[in-house]
Amino acid sequence: MKPFHIFNTLSRRVEEFQPLNPPVVTYYSCGPTVYLPQHLGNMRAYVFVDTLRRTLELNGYDVRHVMNITDVGHMTSDADAGEDKVEKTARAEGKTPREVADFYIAQFKRDCDQLNIRLPAPPLLCRATDHVADMIALIERIVERGYGYVTPSGVYFEVEKWRGQSRVGRLSRQSLDEQHAGQRLEHSPDKKSPHDFALWVLNQPHHLMQWESPWGRGYPGWHIECSAMSMRYLGETIDIHSGGLDHIPVHHENEIAQSEGATGKPFVRYFVHNAFLVGMEGAKISKSVGRFPVLGDLAAAGINPLAFRLFCFGAKYRSELAFSLDAVRAAERNLDYFAEFARNLADAEAEARADSPWTQEFDQRFIEALNNDLNTPQALAAALELVGEAYRRGDKRIWNTLKKLDAVLGLGLDAMRKVTHGEFPAEVTALQRARDAARAARDFKRADELRKELEAKGYEVKDHRGGSTIMPRRRVA
């Protein structure tokens, strides 16, 4: 297998990936702030995270993946200004911050489940509020090394001292003067510089979430959370850190400063950033604009959520991707193409036969595309052409190769095939046959009635050319 290459934001070039301690890869990805539903732009980022991890595993790596859940400290402005996002929702809905966070964490997990995104298991899927002691300990180290200072309003990181005379950020390559002009930073009276960011916030009596600390009762800043949790589970130097492009100039730049300021060691070896999902007019999809598309909107439009996963593969992770329902519906046709092939394979036949030798070409093309900076459009094309070639040759001996490719695509084709050849109660099968007959006769009103009967009995229905597939509805805790 050829080496895996990825674009490293630190060097601004595609590099061969070489972990510190192969075959183990330490990987930290920025997770959700749980104050509203995750919109489809957020979910594109998590599809990317899942695809990167699956690709590393395809290359034989043992990936130790940590993702944070921010349930305190993320202000409505990334520059420590405004109101805590979770608390803002809690006040608006008349709930506690914990109730708000629990609700949106559960929704996030359900959405990930529908997209076949495999999240880390707790404690590696880690809530900020469960790790305040780790944050306090890290802040103490920063203060001891002379990069943090205490004021009545909080503990701050001294950015100008860290950057030195160049004043240029290692990741963003922005000078502090450029950052100041672009962001119009507010200068709190007791901060040494408007660029200094909060490690611990003090004297905010109305903030609903507070903890005791060596400096007084308060709560953590947003940036310190990721450094503390990544170090807790992955060590002081990690292989990969991912997040959105918007994290580069502030959040990730600050993570580098506080982490290396505390340890004196390199923090991250490969920073990897994904681009945004945008509307057809080119504007970034964001919670700040008010109404934003969520995964439930696809279901309401009759679209399989996995079509969105496949839609995300249509552009490289570093390129913007324009969202529309028509574009996702087009991806759903490819999903149906894969699914129909899998469903039409006899169970015993698919498992028992070796693949035809000609499938190796498509296997190699798929892997080479992914190993070339995660080129998912080319990888997806190779997978589609594999199925097309099977039809053209009249040779369907491709299942083991297709299943290997699906280990990264994450469409769950094996589950689709097994459900197709499973057995259901006679009354359920009879309803399915009656509905297929109604659809064939174009009696769509009757077909809709029968679909609702099947759903009431706990079954999902997926239509495809020549019939339908039913499966028990997935239950998500």
Protein backbone atom coordinates (compact mmCIF):
# COMPACT_ATOMS: atom_id res chain seq x y z
CA MET A 1 0.00 0.00 0.00
CA LYS A 2 1.32 3.44 -0.93
CA PRO A 3 1.95 6.06 1.79
CA PHE A 4 -0.89 8.29 2.93
CA HIS A 5 -0.52 12.00 2.09
CA ILE A 6 -2.48 14.89 3.63
CA PHE A 7 -2.40 18.70 3.43
CA ASN A 8 -0.76 20.09 6.58
CA THR A 9 -1.92 23.63 7.36
CA LEU A 10 1.30 24.19 9.32
CA SER A 11 3.47 23.79 6.23
CA ARG A 12 0.84 24.76 3.62
CA ARG A 13 1.65 21.69 1.54
CA VAL A 14 0.65 18.06 1.06
CA GLU A 15 2.95 15.86 3.13
CA GLU A 16 3.49 12.17 3.60
CA PHE A 17 1.91 11.26 6.92
CA GLN A 18 4.30 9.71 9.43
CA PRO A 19 2.93 9.19 12.95
CA LEU A 20 5.15 9.44 15.99
CA ASN A 21 4.53 5.89 17.19
CA PRO A 22 3.23 3.73 14.34
CA PRO A 23 0.92 1.95 13.97
CA VAL A 24 -0.82 4.12 16.60
CA VAL A 25 -2.18 7.47 15.38
CA THR A 26 -3.29 10.08 17.92
CA TYR A 27 -6.09 12.19 16.46
CA TYR A 28 -8.05 15.05 18.06
CA SER A 29 -11.01 16.58 16.22
CA CYS A 30 -12.96 19.64 17.30
CA GLY A 31 -16.49 18.58 18.15
CA PRO A 32 -19.85 20.33 18.59
CA THR A 33 -20.84 23.21 20.80
CA VAL A 34 -24.18 21.89 22.05
CA TYR A 35 -26.56 24.84 22.21
CA LEU A 36 -28.52 24.33 18.95
CA PRO A 37 -28.90 21.49 16.43
CA GLN A 38 -25.87 20.78 14.30
CA HIS A 39 -26.56 22.14 10.82
CA LEU A 40 -25.57 20.35 7.62
CA GLY A 41 -22.36 22.38 7.40
CA ASN A 42 -21.36 20.99 10.79
CA MET A 43 -22.33 17.49 9.67
CA ARG A 44 -20.16 17.80 6.56
CA ALA A 45 -17.22 18.40 8.91
CA TYR A 46 -18.04 15.27 10.93
CA VAL A 47 -18.38 13.18 7.74
CA PHE A 48 -14.86 14.40 6.90
CA VAL A 49 -13.58 13.43 10.36
CA ASP A 50 -15.12 9.97 10.01
CA THR A 51 -13.71 9.52 6.49
CA LEU A 52 -10.20 10.55 7.58
CA ARG A 53 -10.27 8.07 10.46
CA ARG A 54 -11.63 5.27 8.23
CA THR A 55 -8.94 5.98 5.63
CA LEU A 56 -6.19 5.81 8.24
CA GLU A 57 -7.62 2.48 9.41
CA LEU A 58 -7.72 1.23 5.81
CA ASN A 59 -3.98 1.97 5.73
CA GLY A 60 -3.44 -0.27 8.75
CA TYR A 61 -3.20 2.38 11.47
CA ASP A 62 -4.63 2.01 14.95
CA VAL A 63 -6.39 5.36 15.39
CA ARG A 64 -6.88 6.71 18.91
CA HIS A 65 -9.51 9.36 18.24
CA VAL A 66 -10.70 12.00 20.72
CA MET A 67 -13.53 14.46 20.09
CA ASN A 68 -14.64 17.18 22.49
CA ILE A 69 -18.15 18.34 23.30
CA THR A 70 -18.19 22.01 24.30
CA ASP A 71 -20.90 22.59 26.91
CA VAL A 72 -19.37 25.63 28.64
CA GLY A 73 -17.16 28.61 27.83
CA HIS A 74 -17.81 29.11 24.09
CA MET A 75 -18.95 32.72 23.87
CA THR A 76 -21.10 34.19 21.11
CA SER A 77 -17.86 35.80 19.89
CA ASP A 78 -14.81 33.56 19.48
CA ALA A 79 -12.75 36.39 21.03
CA ASP A 80 -14.11 35.87 24.58
CA ALA A 81 -16.87 38.45 24.13
CA GLY A 82 -20.62 38.10 24.43
CA GLU A 83 -22.67 35.47 26.23
CA ASP A 84 -21.96 31.77 26.77
CA LYS A 85 -23.76 30.02 23.91
CA VAL A 86 -25.15 27.18 26.02
CA GLU A 87 -26.35 29.57 28.71
CA LYS A 88 -27.97 31.85 26.12
CA THR A 89 -30.12 28.94 24.92
CA ALA A 90 -30.81 27.84 28.50
CA ARG A 91 -32.16 31.27 29.42
CA ALA A 92 -34.25 31.48 26.25
CA GLU A 93 -35.79 28.03 26.78
CA GLY A 94 -36.15 28.20 30.56
CA LYS A 95 -33.87 25.21 31.10
CA THR A 96 -30.64 24.51 32.91
CA PRO A 97 -27.41 24.50 30.86
CA ARG A 98 -27.10 20.77 31.58
CA GLU A 99 -30.57 20.10 30.18
CA VAL A 100 -29.76 22.06 27.05
CA ALA A 101 -26.44 20.28 26.55
CA ASP A 102 -27.93 16.82 27.17
CA PHE A 103 -30.71 17.46 24.65
CA TYR A 104 -28.41 18.60 21.85
CA ILE A 105 -25.80 15.93 22.58
CA ALA A 106 -28.50 13.28 22.12
CA GLN A 107 -29.60 14.91 18.87
CA PHE A 108 -25.99 15.08 17.64
CA LYS A 109 -25.51 11.38 18.35
CA ARG A 110 -28.73 10.51 16.49
CA ASP A 111 -27.64 12.54 13.47
CA CYS A 112 -24.22 10.87 13.47
CA ASP A 113 -25.87 7.46 13.70
CA GLN A 114 -28.04 8.23 10.66
CA LEU A 115 -24.92 9.22 8.70
CA ASN A 116 -22.95 6.15 9.87
CA ILE A 117 -20.44 8.45 11.59
CA ARG A 118 -18.65 6.42 14.26
CA LEU A 119 -18.01 8.63 17.25
CA PRO A 120 -15.36 7.84 19.88
CA ALA A 121 -16.72 6.02 22.91
CA PRO A 122 -16.68 7.92 26.22
CA PRO A 123 -14.42 9.07 27.76
CA LEU A 124 -12.79 9.82 24.38
CA LEU A 125 -15.99 11.63 23.39
CA CYS A 126 -15.41 14.08 26.19
CA ARG A 127 -17.55 16.84 27.67
CA ALA A 128 -15.79 20.01 28.73
CA THR A 129 -17.69 20.18 32.02
CA ASP A 130 -16.30 16.77 32.99
CA HIS A 131 -12.70 17.98 32.57
CA VAL A 132 -12.53 21.30 34.44
CA ALA A 133 -9.89 19.91 36.83
CA ASP A 134 -7.66 19.10 33.83
CA MET A 135 -8.09 22.65 32.56
CA ILE A 136 -7.19 24.20 35.91
CA ALA A 137 -4.05 22.05 36.13
CA LEU A 138 -3.00 23.12 32.63
CA ILE A 139 -3.61 26.80 33.37
CA GLU A 140 -1.40 26.48 36.47
CA ARG A 141 1.41 25.19 34.27
CA ILE A 142 0.97 28.10 31.86
CA VAL A 143 1.10 30.64 34.69
CA GLU A 144 4.16 28.96 36.21
CA ARG A 145 6.02 29.22 32.88
CA GLY A 146 5.28 32.95 32.69
CA TYR A 147 2.77 33.03 29.84
CA GLY A 148 -0.35 33.48 31.97
CA TYR A 149 -1.26 36.32 34.31
CA VAL A 150 -4.07 36.92 36.77
CA THR A 151 -6.35 39.97 36.85
CA PRO A 152 -9.67 40.69 38.61
CA SER A 153 -11.58 39.63 35.47
CA GLY A 154 -9.69 36.42 34.82
CA VAL A 155 -6.51 34.55 33.95
CA TYR A 156 -5.19 35.51 30.52
CA PHE A 157 -2.59 34.17 28.10
CA GLU A 158 0.02 36.78 27.15
CA VAL A 159 0.04 36.42 23.37
CA GLU A 160 2.66 39.08 22.54
CA LYS A 161 5.16 37.50 24.92
CA TRP A 162 4.56 34.12 23.30
CA ARG A 163 4.91 35.31 19.72
CA GLY A 164 7.89 37.52 20.31
CA GLN A 165 9.16 40.20 17.93
CA SER A 166 7.76 38.64 14.74
CA ARG A 167 4.17 38.80 16.11
CA VAL A 168 3.18 36.27 13.40
CA GLY A 169 1.06 33.24 14.13
CA ARG A 170 2.57 29.92 13.13
CA LEU A 171 -0.68 28.44 11.79
CA SER A 172 -2.56 31.47 10.46
CA ARG A 173 0.58 33.33 9.30
CA GLN A 174 -1.20 36.50 10.36
CA SER A 175 0.54 39.18 12.34
CA LEU A 176 -1.15 40.49 15.47
CA ASP A 177 -1.66 43.81 13.70
CA GLU A 178 -3.56 42.11 10.85
CA GLN A 179 -5.60 40.13 13.33
CA HIS A 180 -6.46 43.28 15.31
CA ALA A 181 -7.59 45.14 12.19
CA GLY A 182 -9.65 42.22 10.92
CA GLN A 183 -11.40 41.35 14.17
CA ARG A 184 -11.66 44.73 15.94
CA LEU A 185 -10.68 43.18 19.25
CA GLU A 186 -12.00 44.79 22.41
CA HIS A 187 -9.41 45.83 24.99
CA SER A 188 -10.57 44.86 28.48
CA PRO A 189 -9.08 47.38 30.95
CA ASP A 190 -7.16 44.78 32.95
CA LYS A 191 -5.72 42.86 29.98
CA LYS A 192 -2.17 43.68 28.94
CA SER A 193 -3.15 43.49 25.27
CA PRO A 194 -6.39 43.12 23.30
CA HIS A 195 -4.85 39.97 21.77
CA ASP A 196 -4.63 38.17 25.12
CA PHE A 197 -7.31 35.50 25.52
CA ALA A 198 -9.06 34.15 28.59
CA LEU A 199 -7.89 30.92 30.19
CA TRP A 200 -10.20 31.30 33.20
CA VAL A 201 -12.99 33.86 33.65
CA LEU A 202 -13.62 35.48 37.07
CA ASN A 203 -16.17 37.79 38.63
CA GLN A 204 -19.13 36.87 36.46
CA PRO A 205 -21.73 36.24 39.18
CA HIS A 206 -24.62 35.76 36.75
CA HIS A 207 -22.90 32.98 34.80
CA LEU A 208 -24.84 29.79 35.58
CA MET A 209 -21.84 27.42 35.49
CA GLN A 210 -19.05 28.10 38.01
CA TRP A 211 -16.20 26.11 39.60
CA GLU A 212 -13.70 26.81 42.37
CA SER A 213 -10.12 27.45 41.25
CA PRO A 214 -6.83 28.74 42.72
CA TRP A 215 -7.74 32.19 41.34
CA GLY A 216 -11.35 32.28 42.50
CA ARG A 217 -14.73 31.01 41.43
CA GLY A 218 -15.25 31.10 37.68
CA TYR A 219 -15.29 29.06 34.49
CA PRO A 220 -12.87 28.11 31.69
CA GLY A 221 -12.26 29.92 28.44
CA TRP A 222 -13.14 28.04 25.27
CA HIS A 223 -9.63 27.50 23.91
CA ILE A 224 -8.15 25.83 27.01
CA GLU A 225 -10.72 23.03 26.82
CA CYS A 226 -9.30 21.40 23.69
CA SER A 227 -5.70 21.56 24.89
CA ALA A 228 -6.57 20.03 28.26
CA MET A 229 -8.68 17.21 26.88
CA SER A 230 -6.31 16.30 24.05
CA MET A 231 -3.39 16.13 26.51
CA ARG A 232 -5.44 14.09 28.98
CA TYR A 233 -6.08 11.29 26.51
CA LEU A 234 -3.46 11.63 23.76
CA GLY A 235 -0.35 13.12 25.39
CA GLU A 236 1.44 16.44 25.01
CA THR A 237 2.24 15.99 21.29
CA ILE A 238 -0.42 14.58 18.96
CA ASP A 239 -0.25 13.43 15.36
CA ILE A 240 -3.37 15.05 13.85
CA HIS A 241 -5.71 17.85 14.87
CA SER A 242 -8.66 18.70 12.62
CA GLY A 243 -11.33 21.37 12.50
CA GLY A 244 -12.97 23.93 10.22
CA LEU A 245 -11.03 26.60 8.34
CA ASP A 246 -12.60 29.21 10.62
CA HIS A 247 -10.66 27.74 13.57
CA ILE A 248 -7.26 28.60 12.06
CA PRO A 249 -6.74 32.28 13.01
CA VAL A 250 -8.09 32.21 16.58
CA HIS A 251 -9.03 28.90 18.17
CA HIS A 252 -6.26 26.70 16.83
CA GLU A 253 -3.65 29.46 16.96
CA ASN A 254 -4.50 29.91 20.64
CA GLU A 255 -4.41 26.16 21.26
CA ILE A 256 -0.84 26.02 19.94
CA ALA A 257 0.23 28.95 22.10
CA GLN A 258 -1.23 27.70 25.38
CA SER A 259 -0.23 24.06 24.85
CA GLU A 260 3.37 24.73 23.89
CA GLY A 261 3.54 27.54 26.44
CA ALA A 262 2.69 24.97 29.12
CA THR A 263 4.84 22.05 27.94
CA GLY A 264 7.66 23.46 25.83
CA LYS A 265 6.93 20.65 23.33
CA PRO A 266 5.38 20.66 19.84
CA PHE A 267 1.59 20.39 20.21
CA VAL A 268 0.40 19.11 16.80
CA ARG A 269 2.36 17.59 13.94
CA TYR A 270 -0.37 17.75 11.24
CA PHE A 271 -3.17 20.31 11.33
CA VAL A 272 -5.92 19.38 8.86
CA HIS A 273 -8.81 21.75 8.09
CA ASN A 274 -12.04 21.26 6.18
CA ALA A 275 -13.80 23.89 4.07
CA PHE A 276 -17.41 25.00 4.44
CA LEU A 277 -20.74 23.88 3.10
CA VAL A 278 -22.26 26.88 1.33
CA GLY A 279 -25.66 27.76 -0.07
CA MET A 280 -26.23 27.98 -3.81
CA GLU A 281 -25.55 31.72 -3.56
CA GLY A 282 -22.12 30.98 -2.09
CA ALA A 283 -22.73 32.07 1.51
CA LYS A 284 -21.40 29.88 4.31
CA ILE A 285 -24.11 27.88 6.08
CA SER A 286 -23.97 29.08 9.67
CA LYS A 287 -26.08 29.23 12.82
CA SER A 288 -25.49 32.99 13.01
CA VAL A 289 -27.73 33.64 9.99
CA GLY A 290 -30.82 32.25 11.73
CA ARG A 291 -32.58 29.50 9.75
CA PHE A 292 -30.15 26.78 8.71
CA PRO A 293 -30.65 23.32 7.13
CA VAL A 294 -30.42 20.28 9.42
CA LEU A 295 -30.47 16.56 8.78
CA GLY A 296 -34.17 16.33 9.64
CA ASP A 297 -34.93 18.57 6.66
CA LEU A 298 -33.66 15.84 4.35
CA ALA A 299 -35.95 13.25 5.90
CA ALA A 300 -38.85 15.70 5.58
CA ALA A 301 -38.03 15.95 1.87
CA GLY A 302 -38.06 12.14 1.56
CA ILE A 303 -34.29 11.85 1.20
CA ASN A 304 -32.23 9.10 2.80
CA PRO A 305 -29.74 10.77 5.19
CA LEU A 306 -26.95 8.59 3.79
CA ALA A 307 -27.41 10.44 0.50
CA PHE A 308 -25.94 13.47 2.27
CA ARG A 309 -22.90 11.42 3.28
CA LEU A 310 -22.41 10.43 -0.36
CA PHE A 311 -23.03 14.03 -1.44
CA CYS A 312 -20.13 15.15 0.79
CA PHE A 313 -17.77 12.88 -1.15
CA GLY A 314 -18.48 14.89 -4.30
CA ALA A 315 -15.90 17.55 -3.37
CA LYS A 316 -12.53 17.39 -1.69
CA TYR A 317 -12.60 18.26 1.99
CA ARG A 318 -10.55 21.43 1.36
CA SER A 319 -13.02 22.77 -1.23
CA GLU A 320 -16.31 24.52 -0.60
CA LEU A 321 -19.37 22.43 -1.39
CA ALA A 322 -22.61 24.02 -2.58
CA PHE A 323 -25.71 22.55 -0.94
CA SER A 324 -29.15 22.11 -2.48
CA LEU A 325 -31.82 19.46 -2.14
CA ASP A 326 -31.47 18.68 -5.85
CA ALA A 327 -27.74 18.04 -5.39
CA VAL A 328 -28.42 15.64 -2.50
CA ARG A 329 -31.14 13.91 -4.53
CA ALA A 330 -28.57 13.37 -7.29
CA ALA A 331 -26.28 11.75 -4.71
CA GLU A 332 -29.20 9.60 -3.58
CA ARG A 333 -29.37 8.07 -7.06
CA ASN A 334 -25.79 6.88 -6.58
CA LEU A 335 -26.73 5.54 -3.14
CA ASP A 336 -29.60 3.59 -4.71
CA TYR A 337 -27.22 2.30 -7.38
CA PHE A 338 -24.90 0.82 -4.74
CA ALA A 339 -27.77 -0.44 -2.60
CA GLU A 340 -29.61 -2.14 -5.44
CA PHE A 341 -26.47 -4.05 -6.41
CA ALA A 342 -25.92 -5.18 -2.81
CA ARG A 343 -29.55 -6.23 -2.36
CA ASN A 344 -29.58 -8.32 -5.52
CA LEU A 345 -26.63 -10.46 -4.43
CA ALA A 346 -27.63 -13.84 -3.05
CA ASP A 347 -26.41 -14.13 0.53
CA ALA A 348 -24.42 -17.34 0.29
CA GLU A 349 -23.16 -16.51 -3.20
CA ALA A 350 -21.72 -13.14 -2.13
CA GLU A 351 -19.84 -14.53 0.86
CA ALA A 352 -18.49 -17.72 -0.68
CA ARG A 353 -17.02 -16.60 -3.99
CA ALA A 354 -13.64 -14.99 -4.47
CA ASP A 355 -13.67 -11.70 -6.36
CA SER A 356 -12.70 -11.60 -10.01
CA PRO A 357 -9.07 -10.57 -10.66
CA TRP A 358 -10.14 -7.48 -12.63
CA THR A 359 -11.51 -5.87 -9.43
CA GLN A 360 -7.97 -5.22 -8.19
CA GLU A 361 -7.62 -2.25 -10.54
CA PHE A 362 -10.60 -0.48 -8.95
CA ASP A 363 -9.41 -1.37 -5.45
CA GLN A 364 -6.05 0.25 -6.14
CA ARG A 365 -7.60 3.33 -7.75
CA PHE A 366 -9.84 3.81 -4.72
CA ILE A 367 -6.98 3.56 -2.23
CA GLU A 368 -4.62 5.73 -4.28
CA ALA A 369 -7.27 8.47 -4.50
CA LEU A 370 -7.81 8.50 -0.75
CA ASN A 371 -4.08 8.41 -0.04
CA ASN A 372 -3.65 11.45 -2.28
CA ASP A 373 -4.91 14.05 0.24
CA LEU A 374 -8.25 12.30 0.74
CA ASN A 375 -9.49 12.73 -2.84
CA THR A 376 -13.03 11.46 -2.24
CA PRO A 377 -14.43 12.44 -5.69
CA GLN A 378 -11.92 10.17 -7.40
CA ALA A 379 -12.44 7.41 -4.83
CA LEU A 380 -16.21 7.57 -5.27
CA ALA A 381 -15.80 7.44 -9.06
CA ALA A 382 -13.69 4.27 -8.72
CA ALA A 383 -16.36 2.61 -6.55
CA LEU A 384 -19.18 3.53 -8.96
CA GLU A 385 -17.16 2.31 -11.92
CA LEU A 386 -16.49 -0.99 -10.13
CA VAL A 387 -20.23 -1.67 -9.95
CA GLY A 388 -20.73 -0.44 -13.51
CA GLU A 389 -18.00 -2.78 -14.78
CA ALA A 390 -19.65 -5.70 -12.98
CA TYR A 391 -22.89 -5.01 -14.84
CA ARG A 392 -21.05 -4.51 -18.16
CA ARG A 393 -19.17 -7.80 -17.84
CA GLY A 394 -22.10 -9.70 -16.40
CA ASP A 395 -19.70 -10.66 -13.60
CA LYS A 396 -20.90 -9.80 -10.11
CA ARG A 397 -17.93 -11.34 -8.29
CA ILE A 398 -16.95 -8.04 -6.69
CA TRP A 399 -18.58 -8.20 -3.25
CA ASN A 400 -15.44 -8.49 -1.09
CA THR A 401 -13.85 -5.54 -2.91
CA LEU A 402 -17.02 -3.46 -2.70
CA LYS A 403 -17.34 -4.23 1.01
CA LYS A 404 -13.73 -3.14 1.54
CA LEU A 405 -14.44 0.15 -0.24
CA ASP A 406 -17.59 0.62 1.81
CA ALA A 407 -15.49 0.41 4.98
CA VAL A 408 -14.53 3.99 4.05
CA LEU A 409 -17.65 5.09 2.15
CA GLY A 410 -19.69 4.09 5.21
CA LEU A 411 -22.95 3.34 3.37
CA GLY A 412 -23.68 0.15 5.30
CA LEU A 413 -24.05 -1.99 2.17
CA ASP A 414 -23.48 -5.24 4.07
CA ALA A 415 -26.36 -4.44 6.41
CA MET A 416 -28.58 -3.60 3.43
CA ARG A 417 -27.76 -6.92 1.78
CA LYS A 418 -28.35 -8.97 4.95
CA VAL A 419 -31.66 -7.27 5.68
CA THR A 420 -32.80 -7.99 2.12
CA HIS A 421 -32.24 -11.70 2.65
CA GLY A 422 -33.66 -11.76 6.16
CA GLU A 423 -37.09 -13.00 7.19
CA PHE A 424 -39.94 -10.86 8.50
CA PRO A 425 -43.38 -11.75 9.88
CA ALA A 426 -45.83 -12.89 7.18
CA GLU A 427 -48.14 -9.92 7.73
CA VAL A 428 -45.24 -7.51 7.24
CA THR A 429 -44.10 -9.22 4.05
CA ALA A 430 -47.69 -9.20 2.78
CA LEU A 431 -47.94 -5.44 3.38
CA GLN A 432 -44.67 -4.92 1.49
CA ARG A 433 -45.90 -6.98 -1.49
CA ALA A 434 -49.23 -5.13 -1.52
CA ARG A 435 -47.45 -1.81 -1.48
CA ASP A 436 -45.09 -2.83 -4.30
CA ALA A 437 -48.15 -3.83 -6.35
CA ALA A 438 -49.84 -0.48 -5.62
CA ARG A 439 -46.73 1.41 -6.74
CA ALA A 440 -46.53 -0.67 -9.92
CA ALA A 441 -50.18 0.21 -10.62
CA ARG A 442 -49.37 3.88 -9.87
CA ASP A 443 -51.88 3.89 -7.02
CA PHE A 444 -49.67 6.17 -4.94
CA LYS A 445 -52.38 7.03 -2.42
CA ARG A 446 -52.74 3.35 -1.50
CA ALA A 447 -48.96 2.91 -1.51
CA ASP A 448 -48.63 5.78 0.95
CA GLU A 449 -51.26 4.26 3.24
CA LEU A 450 -49.41 0.94 3.23
CA ARG A 451 -46.10 2.67 3.94
CA LYS A 452 -47.64 4.25 7.03
CA GLU A 453 -48.90 0.82 8.17
CA LEU A 454 -45.38 -0.60 7.83
CA GLU A 455 -43.89 2.35 9.71
CA ALA A 456 -46.47 1.91 12.48
CA LYS A 457 -45.24 -1.67 12.86
CA GLY A 458 -41.67 -0.41 13.26
CA TYR A 459 -40.25 -0.83 9.74
CA GLU A 460 -38.52 1.59 7.41
CA VAL A 461 -39.29 1.37 3.69
CA LYS A 462 -36.82 2.21 0.94
CA ASP A 463 -38.01 2.18 -2.67
CA HIS A 464 -35.81 1.24 -5.59
CA ARG A 465 -36.27 0.15 -9.17
CA GLY A 466 -38.44 -2.95 -9.31
CA GLY A 467 -39.62 -2.98 -5.70
CA SER A 468 -38.68 -1.99 -2.20
CA THR A 469 -36.63 -3.02 0.81
CA ILE A 470 -37.88 -3.02 4.38
CA MET A 471 -35.83 -3.06 7.54
CA PRO A 472 -36.49 -2.63 11.24
CA ARG A 473 -36.33 1.03 12.25
CA ARG A 474 -33.08 1.81 14.05
CA ARG A 475 -33.48 2.80 17.66
CA VAL A 476 -31.07 5.46 18.93
CA ALA A 477 -30.64 6.07 22.64
